[in-house]
Amino acid sequence: MFKETLGKIRLGRVHLNTLDRPPAFAGIRPASPERLRQIARFLAPLPVEIISRKAEAVPRIDLSRHNIGHILATLRRRPMTVEDLSATLAKNINEMYVLLDILLNKKLITTQVVNNRTFYQAL
């Protein structure tokens, strides 16, 4: 419901941040950069920017057929890690995580772990 409500507002950007100084209340801990990326992926395709001294910003994510097609064509040639894809396609790694998560959910790609590294491949 939260995501749908944000979508209806037509926001220019969603700022996502975490604690970066001592908390006002005991027991409060900052979210990890990975947790912030998970939340950003959940909110896709909304334009999410991670505001943190430790995390990279997530730019607007291009979900066009051309962009998705380019990723799938690349993965049809050979399996790649997210780092490989990010470098090959000149995309921010956080953007790649979001795009790969979407493709996984649509069952257009799969993963395989080899030597503790996750490789993505087109189905």
PDB file of N, CA and C in Angstrom:
ATOM      1  N   MET A   1       0.827  -1.185   0.000  1.00  0.00           N
ATOM      2  CA  MET A   1       0.000   0.000   0.000  1.00  0.00           C
ATOM      3  C   MET A   1       0.879   1.259   0.000  1.00  0.00           C
ATOM      4  N   PHE A   2       1.972   1.226   0.730  1.00  0.00           N
ATOM      5  CA  PHE A   2       2.881   2.370   0.795  1.00  0.00           C
ATOM      6  C   PHE A   2       3.437   2.698  -0.585  1.00  0.00           C
ATOM      7  N   LYS A   3       3.909   1.669  -1.289  1.00  0.00           N
ATOM      8  CA  LYS A   3       4.487   1.857  -2.625  1.00  0.00           C
ATOM      9  C   LYS A   3       3.438   2.425  -3.590  1.00  0.00           C
ATOM     10  N   GLU A   4       2.222   1.891  -3.531  1.00  0.00           N
ATOM     11  CA  GLU A   4       1.154   2.360  -4.418  1.00  0.00           C
ATOM     12  C   GLU A   4       0.814   3.820  -4.118  1.00  0.00           C
ATOM     13  N   THR A   5       0.788   4.177  -2.842  1.00  0.00           N
ATOM     14  CA  THR A   5       0.488   5.556  -2.451  1.00  0.00           C
ATOM     15  C   THR A   5       1.569   6.497  -2.974  1.00  0.00           C
ATOM     16  N   LEU A   6       2.828   6.104  -2.838  1.00  0.00           N
ATOM     17  CA  LEU A   6       3.915   6.933  -3.362  1.00  0.00           C
ATOM     18  C   LEU A   6       3.792   7.097  -4.870  1.00  0.00           C
ATOM     19  N   GLY A   7       3.391   6.044  -5.567  1.00  0.00           N
ATOM     20  CA  GLY A   7       3.224   6.107  -7.015  1.00  0.00           C
ATOM     21  C   GLY A   7       2.134   7.081  -7.437  1.00  0.00           C
ATOM     22  N   LYS A   8       1.081   7.171  -6.658  1.00  0.00           N
ATOM     23  CA  LYS A   8      -0.031   8.073  -6.980  1.00  0.00           C
ATOM     24  C   LYS A   8       0.340   9.540  -6.788  1.00  0.00           C
ATOM     25  N   ILE A   9       1.293   9.792  -5.908  1.00  0.00           N
ATOM     26  CA  ILE A   9       1.686  11.170  -5.618  1.00  0.00           C
ATOM     27  C   ILE A   9       2.501  11.779  -6.761  1.00  0.00           C
ATOM     28  N   ARG A  10       3.070  10.940  -7.623  1.00  0.00           N
ATOM     29  CA  ARG A  10       3.925  11.377  -8.737  1.00  0.00           C
ATOM     30  C   ARG A  10       5.137  12.153  -8.235  1.00  0.00           C
ATOM     31  N   LEU A  11       5.874  11.523  -7.385  1.00  0.00           N
ATOM     32  CA  LEU A  11       7.062  12.138  -6.810  1.00  0.00           C
ATOM     33  C   LEU A  11       8.172  12.277  -7.835  1.00  0.00           C
ATOM     34  N   GLY A  12       8.954  13.316  -7.692  1.00  0.00           N
ATOM     35  CA  GLY A  12      10.127  13.465  -8.535  1.00  0.00           C
ATOM     36  C   GLY A  12      11.228  12.525  -8.084  1.00  0.00           C
ATOM     37  N   ARG A  13      11.249  12.231  -6.786  1.00  0.00           N
ATOM     38  CA  ARG A  13      12.296  11.379  -6.236  1.00  0.00           C
ATOM     39  C   ARG A  13      11.898  10.974  -4.812  1.00  0.00           C
ATOM     40  N   VAL A  14      12.282   9.762  -4.431  1.00  0.00           N
ATOM     41  CA  VAL A  14      12.100   9.280  -3.062  1.00  0.00           C
ATOM     42  C   VAL A  14      13.480   9.248  -2.415  1.00  0.00           C
ATOM     43  N   HIS A  15      13.648   9.986  -1.334  1.00  0.00           N
ATOM     44  CA  HIS A  15      14.920   9.964  -0.614  1.00  0.00           C
ATOM     45  C   HIS A  15      14.832   8.895   0.462  1.00  0.00           C
ATOM     46  N   LEU A  16      15.785   8.002   0.450  1.00  0.00           N
ATOM     47  CA  LEU A  16      15.839   6.898   1.409  1.00  0.00           C
ATOM     48  C   LEU A  16      17.122   7.063   2.204  1.00  0.00           C
ATOM     49  N   ASN A  17      16.995   7.143   3.523  1.00  0.00           N
ATOM     50  CA  ASN A  17      18.199   7.325   4.324  1.00  0.00           C
ATOM     51  C   ASN A  17      18.152   6.489   5.593  1.00  0.00           C
ATOM     52  N   THR A  18      19.227   6.552   6.333  1.00  0.00           N
ATOM     53  CA  THR A  18      19.351   5.797   7.569  1.00  0.00           C
ATOM     54  C   THR A  18      20.070   6.654   8.597  1.00  0.00           C
ATOM     55  N   LEU A  19      20.136   6.163   9.775  1.00  0.00           N
ATOM     56  CA  LEU A  19      20.795   6.841  10.882  1.00  0.00           C
ATOM     57  C   LEU A  19      22.291   6.975  10.608  1.00  0.00           C
ATOM     58  N   ASP A  20      22.823   8.180  10.773  1.00  0.00           N
ATOM     59  CA  ASP A  20      24.266   8.349  10.587  1.00  0.00           C
ATOM     60  C   ASP A  20      24.918   9.124  11.738  1.00  0.00           C
ATOM     61  N   ARG A  21      24.220   9.178  12.857  1.00  0.00           N
ATOM     62  CA  ARG A  21      24.743   9.825  14.067  1.00  0.00           C
ATOM     63  C   ARG A  21      24.143   9.111  15.275  1.00  0.00           C
ATOM     64  N   PRO A  22      24.581   9.406  16.466  1.00  0.00           N
ATOM     65  CA  PRO A  22      24.010   8.721  17.636  1.00  0.00           C
ATOM     66  C   PRO A  22      22.490   8.923  17.706  1.00  0.00           C
ATOM     67  N   PRO A  23      21.751   7.847  17.969  1.00  0.00           N
ATOM     68  CA  PRO A  23      20.281   7.941  17.982  1.00  0.00           C
ATOM     69  C   PRO A  23      19.748   8.639  19.230  1.00  0.00           C
ATOM     70  N   ALA A  24      18.530   9.149  19.103  1.00  0.00           N
ATOM     71  CA  ALA A  24      17.864   9.793  20.228  1.00  0.00           C
ATOM     72  C   ALA A  24      17.334   8.766  21.220  1.00  0.00           C
ATOM     73  N   PHE A  25      17.108   7.529  20.752  1.00  0.00           N
ATOM     74  CA  PHE A  25      16.554   6.480  21.594  1.00  0.00           C
ATOM     75  C   PHE A  25      17.480   5.275  21.591  1.00  0.00           C
ATOM     76  N   ALA A  26      17.586   4.618  22.724  1.00  0.00           N
ATOM     77  CA  ALA A  26      18.435   3.429  22.842  1.00  0.00           C
ATOM     78  C   ALA A  26      17.897   2.307  21.951  1.00  0.00           C
ATOM     79  N   GLY A  27      18.796   1.492  21.427  1.00  0.00           N
ATOM     80  CA  GLY A  27      18.393   0.328  20.653  1.00  0.00           C
ATOM     81  C   GLY A  27      18.173   0.590  19.170  1.00  0.00           C
ATOM     82  N   ILE A  28      18.287   1.826  18.733  1.00  0.00           N
ATOM     83  CA  ILE A  28      18.104   2.158  17.318  1.00  0.00           C
ATOM     84  C   ILE A  28      19.445   1.962  16.611  1.00  0.00           C
ATOM     85  N   ARG A  29      19.416   1.235  15.484  1.00  0.00           N
ATOM     86  CA  ARG A  29      20.638   0.989  14.721  1.00  0.00           C
ATOM     87  C   ARG A  29      20.420   1.396  13.272  1.00  0.00           C
ATOM     88  N   PRO A  30      21.471   1.815  12.603  1.00  0.00           N
ATOM     89  CA  PRO A  30      21.321   2.203  11.190  1.00  0.00           C
ATOM     90  C   PRO A  30      21.086   0.986  10.297  1.00  0.00           C
ATOM     91  N   ALA A  31      20.408   1.223   9.201  1.00  0.00           N
ATOM     92  CA  ALA A  31      20.213   0.171   8.192  1.00  0.00           C
ATOM     93  C   ALA A  31      21.520   0.004   7.421  1.00  0.00           C
ATOM     94  N   SER A  32      21.809  -1.211   7.034  1.00  0.00           N
ATOM     95  CA  SER A  32      23.017  -1.478   6.253  1.00  0.00           C
ATOM     96  C   SER A  32      22.811  -0.988   4.817  1.00  0.00           C
ATOM     97  N   PRO A  33      23.916  -0.750   4.084  1.00  0.00           N
ATOM     98  CA  PRO A  33      23.771  -0.373   2.675  1.00  0.00           C
ATOM     99  C   PRO A  33      22.981  -1.417   1.880  1.00  0.00           C
ATOM    100  N   GLU A  34      23.172  -2.704   2.178  1.00  0.00           N
ATOM    101  CA  GLU A  34      22.421  -3.759   1.473  1.00  0.00           C
ATOM    102  C   GLU A  34      20.926  -3.627   1.762  1.00  0.00           C
ATOM    103  N   ARG A  35      20.556  -3.336   3.002  1.00  0.00           N
ATOM    104  CA  ARG A  35      19.135  -3.171   3.352  1.00  0.00           C
ATOM    105  C   ARG A  35      18.544  -1.983   2.605  1.00  0.00           C
ATOM    106  N   LEU A  36      19.300  -0.899   2.507  1.00  0.00           N
ATOM    107  CA  LEU A  36      18.820   0.262   1.751  1.00  0.00           C
ATOM    108  C   LEU A  36      18.609  -0.097   0.288  1.00  0.00           C
ATOM    109  N   ARG A  37      19.523  -0.901  -0.287  1.00  0.00           N
ATOM    110  CA  ARG A  37      19.350  -1.339  -1.685  1.00  0.00           C
ATOM    111  C   ARG A  37      18.125  -2.239  -1.823  1.00  0.00           C
ATOM    112  N   GLN A  38      17.866  -3.094  -0.827  1.00  0.00           N
ATOM    113  CA  GLN A  38      16.670  -3.952  -0.873  1.00  0.00           C
ATOM    114  C   GLN A  38      15.408  -3.096  -0.900  1.00  0.00           C
ATOM    115  N   ILE A  39      15.378  -2.068  -0.070  1.00  0.00           N
ATOM    116  CA  ILE A  39      14.208  -1.184  -0.024  1.00  0.00           C
ATOM    117  C   ILE A  39      14.068  -0.440  -1.350  1.00  0.00           C
ATOM    118  N   ALA A  40      15.196   0.005  -1.913  1.00  0.00           N
ATOM    119  CA  ALA A  40      15.160   0.697  -3.213  1.00  0.00           C
ATOM    120  C   ALA A  40      14.616  -0.232  -4.289  1.00  0.00           C
ATOM    121  N   ARG A  41      15.044  -1.512  -4.274  1.00  0.00           N
ATOM    122  CA  ARG A  41      14.535  -2.481  -5.263  1.00  0.00           C
ATOM    123  C   ARG A  41      13.038  -2.698  -5.066  1.00  0.00           C
ATOM    124  N   PHE A  42      12.598  -2.754  -3.812  1.00  0.00           N
ATOM    125  CA  PHE A  42      11.169  -2.931  -3.529  1.00  0.00           C
ATOM    126  C   PHE A  42      10.360  -1.765  -4.093  1.00  0.00           C
ATOM    127  N   LEU A  43      10.901  -0.565  -3.974  1.00  0.00           N
ATOM    128  CA  LEU A  43      10.175   0.624  -4.428  1.00  0.00           C
ATOM    129  C   LEU A  43      10.238   0.850  -5.938  1.00  0.00           C
ATOM    130  N   ALA A  44      11.079   0.107  -6.653  1.00  0.00           N
ATOM    131  CA  ALA A  44      11.171   0.250  -8.117  1.00  0.00           C
ATOM    132  C   ALA A  44       9.795   0.025  -8.730  1.00  0.00           C
ATOM    133  N   PRO A  45       9.431   0.767  -9.723  1.00  0.00           N
ATOM    134  CA  PRO A  45      10.228   1.669 -10.540  1.00  0.00           C
ATOM    135  C   PRO A  45      10.219   3.122 -10.065  1.00  0.00           C
ATOM    136  N   LEU A  46       9.823   3.379  -8.834  1.00  0.00           N
ATOM    137  CA  LEU A  46       9.870   4.752  -8.334  1.00  0.00           C
ATOM    138  C   LEU A  46      11.314   5.252  -8.352  1.00  0.00           C
ATOM    139  N   PRO A  47      11.522   6.535  -8.584  1.00  0.00           N
ATOM    140  CA  PRO A  47      12.883   7.084  -8.618  1.00  0.00           C
ATOM    141  C   PRO A  47      13.435   7.232  -7.200  1.00  0.00           C
ATOM    142  N   VAL A  48      14.240   6.284  -6.775  1.00  0.00           N
ATOM    143  CA  VAL A  48      14.764   6.259  -5.411  1.00  0.00           C
ATOM    144  C   VAL A  48      16.208   6.730  -5.384  1.00  0.00           C
ATOM    145  N   GLU A  49      16.518   7.580  -4.433  1.00  0.00           N
ATOM    146  CA  GLU A  49      17.894   8.021  -4.218  1.00  0.00           C
ATOM    147  C   GLU A  49      18.259   7.680  -2.780  1.00  0.00           C
ATOM    148  N   ILE A  50      19.312   6.886  -2.604  1.00  0.00           N
ATOM    149  CA  ILE A  50      19.766   6.542  -1.264  1.00  0.00           C
ATOM    150  C   ILE A  50      20.636   7.678  -0.770  1.00  0.00           C
ATOM    151  N   ILE A  51      20.225   8.274   0.343  1.00  0.00           N
ATOM    152  CA  ILE A  51      20.959   9.372   0.944  1.00  0.00           C
ATOM    153  C   ILE A  51      21.702   8.806   2.145  1.00  0.00           C
ATOM    154  N   SER A  52      22.987   8.633   1.973  1.00  0.00           N
ATOM    155  CA  SER A  52      23.791   8.050   3.038  1.00  0.00           C
ATOM    156  C   SER A  52      25.240   8.399   2.813  1.00  0.00           C
ATOM    157  N   ARG A  53      25.968   8.526   3.870  1.00  0.00           N
ATOM    158  CA  ARG A  53      27.394   8.801   3.744  1.00  0.00           C
ATOM    159  C   ARG A  53      28.148   7.570   3.274  1.00  0.00           C
ATOM    160  N   LYS A  54      27.506   6.390   3.379  1.00  0.00           N
ATOM    161  CA  LYS A  54      28.179   5.143   3.042  1.00  0.00           C
ATOM    162  C   LYS A  54      27.660   4.488   1.771  1.00  0.00           C
ATOM    163  N   ALA A  55      26.478   4.841   1.325  1.00  0.00           N
ATOM    164  CA  ALA A  55      25.873   4.156   0.171  1.00  0.00           C
ATOM    165  C   ALA A  55      25.863   5.064  -1.046  1.00  0.00           C
ATOM    166  N   GLU A  56      25.896   4.443  -2.219  1.00  0.00           N
ATOM    167  CA  GLU A  56      25.787   5.184  -3.466  1.00  0.00           C
ATOM    168  C   GLU A  56      24.327   5.502  -3.742  1.00  0.00           C
ATOM    169  N   ALA A  57      24.099   6.570  -4.446  1.00  0.00           N
ATOM    170  CA  ALA A  57      22.741   6.920  -4.834  1.00  0.00           C
ATOM    171  C   ALA A  57      22.263   5.985  -5.932  1.00  0.00           C
ATOM    172  N   VAL A  58      20.970   5.736  -5.939  1.00  0.00           N
ATOM    173  CA  VAL A  58      20.361   4.948  -7.005  1.00  0.00           C
ATOM    174  C   VAL A  58      19.707   5.935  -7.964  1.00  0.00           C
ATOM    175  N   PRO A  59      20.220   6.039  -9.182  1.00  0.00           N
ATOM    176  CA  PRO A  59      19.653   6.989 -10.131  1.00  0.00           C
ATOM    177  C   PRO A  59      18.288   6.520 -10.633  1.00  0.00           C
ATOM    178  N   ARG A  60      17.628   7.396 -11.394  1.00  0.00           N
ATOM    179  CA  ARG A  60      16.390   6.973 -12.049  1.00  0.00           C
ATOM    180  C   ARG A  60      16.710   5.746 -12.884  1.00  0.00           C
ATOM    181  N   ILE A  61      15.850   4.771 -12.816  1.00  0.00           N
ATOM    182  CA  ILE A  61      16.132   3.503 -13.481  1.00  0.00           C
ATOM    183  C   ILE A  61      15.324   3.406 -14.756  1.00  0.00           C
ATOM    184  N   ASP A  62      16.018   3.180 -15.861  1.00  0.00           N
ATOM    185  CA  ASP A  62      15.404   3.070 -17.180  1.00  0.00           C
ATOM    186  C   ASP A  62      14.876   1.654 -17.361  1.00  0.00           C
ATOM    187  N   LEU A  63      13.550   1.507 -17.325  1.00  0.00           N
ATOM    188  CA  LEU A  63      12.921   0.197 -17.487  1.00  0.00           C
ATOM    189  C   LEU A  63      12.388  -0.001 -18.904  1.00  0.00           C
ATOM    190  N   SER A  64      12.918   0.749 -19.845  1.00  0.00           N
ATOM    191  CA  SER A  64      12.443   0.636 -21.221  1.00  0.00           C
ATOM    192  C   SER A  64      12.767  -0.745 -21.784  1.00  0.00           C
ATOM    193  N   ARG A  65      12.026  -1.116 -22.819  1.00  0.00           N
ATOM    194  CA  ARG A  65      12.272  -2.408 -23.483  1.00  0.00           C
ATOM    195  C   ARG A  65      13.690  -2.475 -24.027  1.00  0.00           C
ATOM    196  N   HIS A  66      14.183  -1.352 -24.526  1.00  0.00           N
ATOM    197  CA  HIS A  66      15.542  -1.315 -25.067  1.00  0.00           C
ATOM    198  C   HIS A  66      16.558  -1.656 -23.976  1.00  0.00           C
ATOM    199  N   ASN A  67      16.418  -1.042 -22.816  1.00  0.00           N
ATOM    200  CA  ASN A  67      17.351  -1.263 -21.718  1.00  0.00           C
ATOM    201  C   ASN A  67      17.286  -2.711 -21.224  1.00  0.00           C
ATOM    202  N   ILE A  68      16.081  -3.211 -20.994  1.00  0.00           N
ATOM    203  CA  ILE A  68      15.895  -4.593 -20.537  1.00  0.00           C
ATOM    204  C   ILE A  68      16.406  -5.550 -21.618  1.00  0.00           C
ATOM    205  N   GLY A  69      16.103  -5.260 -22.875  1.00  0.00           N
ATOM    206  CA  GLY A  69      16.555  -6.098 -23.976  1.00  0.00           C
ATOM    207  C   GLY A  69      18.069  -6.156 -24.073  1.00  0.00           C
ATOM    208  N   HIS A  70      18.710  -5.026 -23.814  1.00  0.00           N
ATOM    209  CA  HIS A  70      20.169  -4.970 -23.858  1.00  0.00           C
ATOM    210  C   HIS A  70      20.774  -5.871 -22.768  1.00  0.00           C
ATOM    211  N   ILE A  71      20.202  -5.843 -21.575  1.00  0.00           N
ATOM    212  CA  ILE A  71      20.682  -6.694 -20.477  1.00  0.00           C
ATOM    213  C   ILE A  71      20.485  -8.164 -20.842  1.00  0.00           C
ATOM    214  N   LEU A  72      19.300  -8.508 -21.341  1.00  0.00           N
ATOM    215  CA  LEU A  72      19.023  -9.901 -21.708  1.00  0.00           C
ATOM    216  C   LEU A  72      19.944 -10.372 -22.833  1.00  0.00           C
ATOM    217  N   ALA A  73      20.179  -9.522 -23.827  1.00  0.00           N
ATOM    218  CA  ALA A  73      21.073  -9.902 -24.925  1.00  0.00           C
ATOM    219  C   ALA A  73      22.488 -10.153 -24.407  1.00  0.00           C
ATOM    220  N   THR A  74      22.919  -9.335 -23.482  1.00  0.00           N
ATOM    221  CA  THR A  74      24.251  -9.502 -22.900  1.00  0.00           C
ATOM    222  C   THR A  74      24.333 -10.819 -22.132  1.00  0.00           C
ATOM    223  N   LEU A  75      23.291 -11.134 -21.377  1.00  0.00           N
ATOM    224  CA  LEU A  75      23.295 -12.362 -20.574  1.00  0.00           C
ATOM    225  C   LEU A  75      23.089 -13.604 -21.435  1.00  0.00           C
ATOM    226  N   ARG A  76      22.548 -13.446 -22.632  1.00  0.00           N
ATOM    227  CA  ARG A  76      22.428 -14.601 -23.542  1.00  0.00           C
ATOM    228  C   ARG A  76      23.800 -15.001 -24.084  1.00  0.00           C
ATOM    229  N   ARG A  77      24.689 -14.015 -24.200  1.00  0.00           N
ATOM    230  CA  ARG A  77      26.045 -14.307 -24.699  1.00  0.00           C
ATOM    231  C   ARG A  77      26.846 -15.096 -23.671  1.00  0.00           C
ATOM    232  N   ARG A  78      26.738 -14.699 -22.395  1.00  0.00           N
ATOM    233  CA  ARG A  78      27.441 -15.434 -21.342  1.00  0.00           C
ATOM    234  C   ARG A  78      26.938 -14.986 -19.981  1.00  0.00           C
ATOM    235  N   PRO A  79      26.999 -15.864 -18.968  1.00  0.00           N
ATOM    236  CA  PRO A  79      26.621 -15.474 -17.611  1.00  0.00           C
ATOM    237  C   PRO A  79      27.583 -14.404 -17.081  1.00  0.00           C
ATOM    238  N   MET A  80      27.052 -13.494 -16.280  1.00  0.00           N
ATOM    239  CA  MET A  80      27.864 -12.411 -15.741  1.00  0.00           C
ATOM    240  C   MET A  80      27.473 -12.118 -14.304  1.00  0.00           C
ATOM    241  N   THR A  81      28.412 -11.580 -13.534  1.00  0.00           N
ATOM    242  CA  THR A  81      28.115 -11.100 -12.188  1.00  0.00           C
ATOM    243  C   THR A  81      27.515  -9.701 -12.309  1.00  0.00           C
ATOM    244  N   VAL A  82      26.964  -9.194 -11.222  1.00  0.00           N
ATOM    245  CA  VAL A  82      26.418  -7.836 -11.242  1.00  0.00           C
ATOM    246  C   VAL A  82      27.530  -6.827 -11.510  1.00  0.00           C
ATOM    247  N   GLU A  83      28.725  -7.107 -11.001  1.00  0.00           N
ATOM    248  CA  GLU A  83      29.851  -6.211 -11.244  1.00  0.00           C
ATOM    249  C   GLU A  83      30.222  -6.209 -12.730  1.00  0.00           C
ATOM    250  N   ASP A  84      30.237  -7.404 -13.354  1.00  0.00           N
ATOM    251  CA  ASP A  84      30.516  -7.512 -14.787  1.00  0.00           C
ATOM    252  C   ASP A  84      29.506  -6.701 -15.600  1.00  0.00           C
ATOM    253  N   LEU A  85      28.235  -6.897 -15.282  1.00  0.00           N
ATOM    254  CA  LEU A  85      27.170  -6.196 -16.012  1.00  0.00           C
ATOM    255  C   LEU A  85      27.265  -4.694 -15.829  1.00  0.00           C
ATOM    256  N   SER A  86      27.523  -4.264 -14.610  1.00  0.00           N
ATOM    257  CA  SER A  86      27.632  -2.847 -14.323  1.00  0.00           C
ATOM    258  C   SER A  86      28.739  -2.209 -15.160  1.00  0.00           C
ATOM    259  N   ALA A  87      29.886  -2.870 -15.228  1.00  0.00           N
ATOM    260  CA  ALA A  87      31.009  -2.345 -16.007  1.00  0.00           C
ATOM    261  C   ALA A  87      30.729  -2.423 -17.510  1.00  0.00           C
ATOM    262  N   THR A  88      30.200  -3.551 -17.966  1.00  0.00           N
ATOM    263  CA  THR A  88      29.945  -3.758 -19.395  1.00  0.00           C
ATOM    264  C   THR A  88      28.913  -2.784 -19.938  1.00  0.00           C
ATOM    265  N   LEU A  89      27.853  -2.560 -19.168  1.00  0.00           N
ATOM    266  CA  LEU A  89      26.747  -1.715 -19.637  1.00  0.00           C
ATOM    267  C   LEU A  89      26.840  -0.280 -19.133  1.00  0.00           C
ATOM    268  N   ALA A  90      27.921   0.038 -18.403  1.00  0.00           N
ATOM    269  CA  ALA A  90      28.141   1.392 -17.872  1.00  0.00           C
ATOM    270  C   ALA A  90      26.952   1.875 -17.044  1.00  0.00           C
ATOM    271  N   LYS A  91      26.523   1.021 -16.116  1.00  0.00           N
ATOM    272  CA  LYS A  91      25.399   1.350 -15.246  1.00  0.00           C
ATOM    273  C   LYS A  91      25.849   1.306 -13.798  1.00  0.00           C
ATOM    274  N   ASN A  92      25.243   2.135 -12.979  1.00  0.00           N
ATOM    275  CA  ASN A  92      25.476   2.135 -11.545  1.00  0.00           C
ATOM    276  C   ASN A  92      25.139   0.747 -11.000  1.00  0.00           C
ATOM    277  N   ILE A  93      25.958   0.237 -10.097  1.00  0.00           N
ATOM    278  CA  ILE A  93      25.742  -1.122  -9.586  1.00  0.00           C
ATOM    279  C   ILE A  93      24.402  -1.248  -8.862  1.00  0.00           C
ATOM    280  N   ASN A  94      23.973  -0.191  -8.175  1.00  0.00           N
ATOM    281  CA  ASN A  94      22.671  -0.246  -7.500  1.00  0.00           C
ATOM    282  C   ASN A  94      21.534  -0.344  -8.514  1.00  0.00           C
ATOM    283  N   GLU A  95      21.680   0.364  -9.628  1.00  0.00           N
ATOM    284  CA  GLU A  95      20.684   0.275 -10.699  1.00  0.00           C
ATOM    285  C   GLU A  95      20.646  -1.147 -11.255  1.00  0.00           C
ATOM    286  N   MET A  96      21.825  -1.754 -11.423  1.00  0.00           N
ATOM    287  CA  MET A  96      21.878  -3.127 -11.941  1.00  0.00           C
ATOM    288  C   MET A  96      21.185  -4.091 -10.988  1.00  0.00           C
ATOM    289  N   TYR A  97      21.392  -3.933  -9.678  1.00  0.00           N
ATOM    290  CA  TYR A  97      20.716  -4.804  -8.708  1.00  0.00           C
ATOM    291  C   TYR A  97      19.200  -4.711  -8.872  1.00  0.00           C
ATOM    292  N   VAL A  98      18.684  -3.501  -9.033  1.00  0.00           N
ATOM    293  CA  VAL A  98      17.236  -3.312  -9.194  1.00  0.00           C
ATOM    294  C   VAL A  98      16.753  -3.973 -10.487  1.00  0.00           C
ATOM    295  N   LEU A  99      17.459  -3.730 -11.587  1.00  0.00           N
ATOM    296  CA  LEU A  99      17.060  -4.310 -12.867  1.00  0.00           C
ATOM    297  C   LEU A  99      17.115  -5.834 -12.839  1.00  0.00           C
ATOM    298  N   LEU A 100      18.169  -6.388 -12.236  1.00  0.00           N
ATOM    299  CA  LEU A 100      18.290  -7.844 -12.147  1.00  0.00           C
ATOM    300  C   LEU A 100      17.190  -8.436 -11.279  1.00  0.00           C
ATOM    301  N   ASP A 101      16.846  -7.752 -10.210  1.00  0.00           N
ATOM    302  CA  ASP A 101      15.766  -8.222  -9.341  1.00  0.00           C
ATOM    303  C   ASP A 101      14.441  -8.271 -10.102  1.00  0.00           C
ATOM    304  N   ILE A 102      14.192  -7.265 -10.931  1.00  0.00           N
ATOM    305  CA  ILE A 102      12.970  -7.245 -11.743  1.00  0.00           C
ATOM    306  C   ILE A 102      12.968  -8.412 -12.726  1.00  0.00           C
ATOM    307  N   LEU A 103      14.103  -8.631 -13.393  1.00  0.00           N
ATOM    308  CA  LEU A 103      14.197  -9.729 -14.360  1.00  0.00           C
ATOM    309  C   LEU A 103      14.080 -11.094 -13.689  1.00  0.00           C
ATOM    310  N   LEU A 104      14.626 -11.227 -12.482  1.00  0.00           N
ATOM    311  CA  LEU A 104      14.470 -12.480 -11.727  1.00  0.00           C
ATOM    312  C   LEU A 104      13.008 -12.722 -11.384  1.00  0.00           C
ATOM    313  N   ASN A 105      12.318 -11.677 -10.917  1.00  0.00           N
ATOM    314  CA  ASN A 105      10.907 -11.807 -10.549  1.00  0.00           C
ATOM    315  C   ASN A 105      10.029 -12.144 -11.748  1.00  0.00           C
ATOM    316  N   LYS A 106      10.418 -11.676 -12.934  1.00  0.00           N
ATOM    317  CA  LYS A 106       9.675 -11.988 -14.160  1.00  0.00           C
ATOM    318  C   LYS A 106      10.109 -13.323 -14.761  1.00  0.00           C
ATOM    319  N   LYS A 107      11.054 -13.983 -14.093  1.00  0.00           N
ATOM    320  CA  LYS A 107      11.569 -15.286 -14.524  1.00  0.00           C
ATOM    321  C   LYS A 107      12.182 -15.238 -15.929  1.00  0.00           C
ATOM    322  N   LEU A 108      12.839 -14.110 -16.241  1.00  0.00           N
ATOM    323  CA  LEU A 108      13.537 -13.964 -17.513  1.00  0.00           C
ATOM    324  C   LEU A 108      15.012 -14.331 -17.387  1.00  0.00           C
ATOM    325  N   ILE A 109      15.502 -14.333 -16.153  1.00  0.00           N
ATOM    326  CA  ILE A 109      16.885 -14.720 -15.885  1.00  0.00           C
ATOM    327  C   ILE A 109      16.912 -15.620 -14.649  1.00  0.00           C
ATOM    328  N   THR A 110      18.051 -16.241 -14.438  1.00  0.00           N
ATOM    329  CA  THR A 110      18.258 -17.080 -13.260  1.00  0.00           C
ATOM    330  C   THR A 110      19.661 -16.810 -12.730  1.00  0.00           C
ATOM    331  N   THR A 111      19.951 -17.358 -11.565  1.00  0.00           N
ATOM    332  CA  THR A 111      21.286 -17.182 -10.993  1.00  0.00           C
ATOM    333  C   THR A 111      21.945 -18.538 -10.790  1.00  0.00           C
ATOM    334  N   GLN A 112      23.264 -18.494 -10.765  1.00  0.00           N
ATOM    335  CA  GLN A 112      24.043 -19.683 -10.466  1.00  0.00           C
ATOM    336  C   GLN A 112      25.266 -19.208  -9.679  1.00  0.00           C
ATOM    337  N   VAL A 113      25.537 -19.858  -8.556  1.00  0.00           N
ATOM    338  CA  VAL A 113      26.687 -19.502  -7.734  1.00  0.00           C
ATOM    339  C   VAL A 113      27.856 -20.413  -8.091  1.00  0.00           C
ATOM    340  N   VAL A 114      28.978 -19.794  -8.454  1.00  0.00           N
ATOM    341  CA  VAL A 114      30.205 -20.514  -8.794  1.00  0.00           C
ATOM    342  C   VAL A 114      31.343 -19.843  -8.020  1.00  0.00           C
ATOM    343  N   ASN A 115      32.041 -20.634  -7.218  1.00  0.00           N
ATOM    344  CA  ASN A 115      33.151 -20.102  -6.407  1.00  0.00           C
ATOM    345  C   ASN A 115      32.725 -18.885  -5.575  1.00  0.00           C
ATOM    346  N   ASN A 116      31.572 -18.995  -4.931  1.00  0.00           N
ATOM    347  CA  ASN A 116      31.029 -17.943  -4.063  1.00  0.00           C
ATOM    348  C   ASN A 116      30.700 -16.641  -4.797  1.00  0.00           C
ATOM    349  N   ARG A 117      30.546 -16.690  -6.106  1.00  0.00           N
ATOM    350  CA  ARG A 117      30.155 -15.522  -6.895  1.00  0.00           C
ATOM    351  C   ARG A 117      28.835 -15.838  -7.584  1.00  0.00           C
ATOM    352  N   THR A 118      27.905 -14.886  -7.549  1.00  0.00           N
ATOM    353  CA  THR A 118      26.596 -15.073  -8.177  1.00  0.00           C
ATOM    354  C   THR A 118      26.644 -14.595  -9.620  1.00  0.00           C
ATOM    355  N   PHE A 119      26.338 -15.526 -10.527  1.00  0.00           N
ATOM    356  CA  PHE A 119      26.288 -15.207 -11.955  1.00  0.00           C
ATOM    357  C   PHE A 119      24.825 -15.194 -12.396  1.00  0.00           C
ATOM    358  N   TYR A 120      24.490 -14.237 -13.248  1.00  0.00           N
ATOM    359  CA  TYR A 120      23.151 -14.119 -13.813  1.00  0.00           C
ATOM    360  C   TYR A 120      23.212 -14.618 -15.243  1.00  0.00           C
ATOM    361  N   GLN A 121      22.153 -15.330 -15.663  1.00  0.00           N
ATOM    362  CA  GLN A 121      22.103 -15.812 -17.037  1.00  0.00           C
ATOM    363  C   GLN A 121      20.667 -15.766 -17.532  1.00  0.00           C
ATOM    364  N   ALA A 122      20.520 -15.495 -18.814  1.00  0.00           N
ATOM    365  CA  ALA A 122      19.189 -15.424 -19.428  1.00  0.00           C
ATOM    366  C   ALA A 122      18.614 -16.814 -19.567  1.00  0.00           C
ATOM    367  N   LEU A 123      17.298 -16.900 -19.455  1.00  0.00           N
ATOM    368  CA  LEU A 123      16.614 -18.180 -19.647  1.00  0.00           C
ATOM    369  C   LEU A 123      16.187 -18.332 -21.101  1.00  0.00           C
TER     370      LEU A 123
END
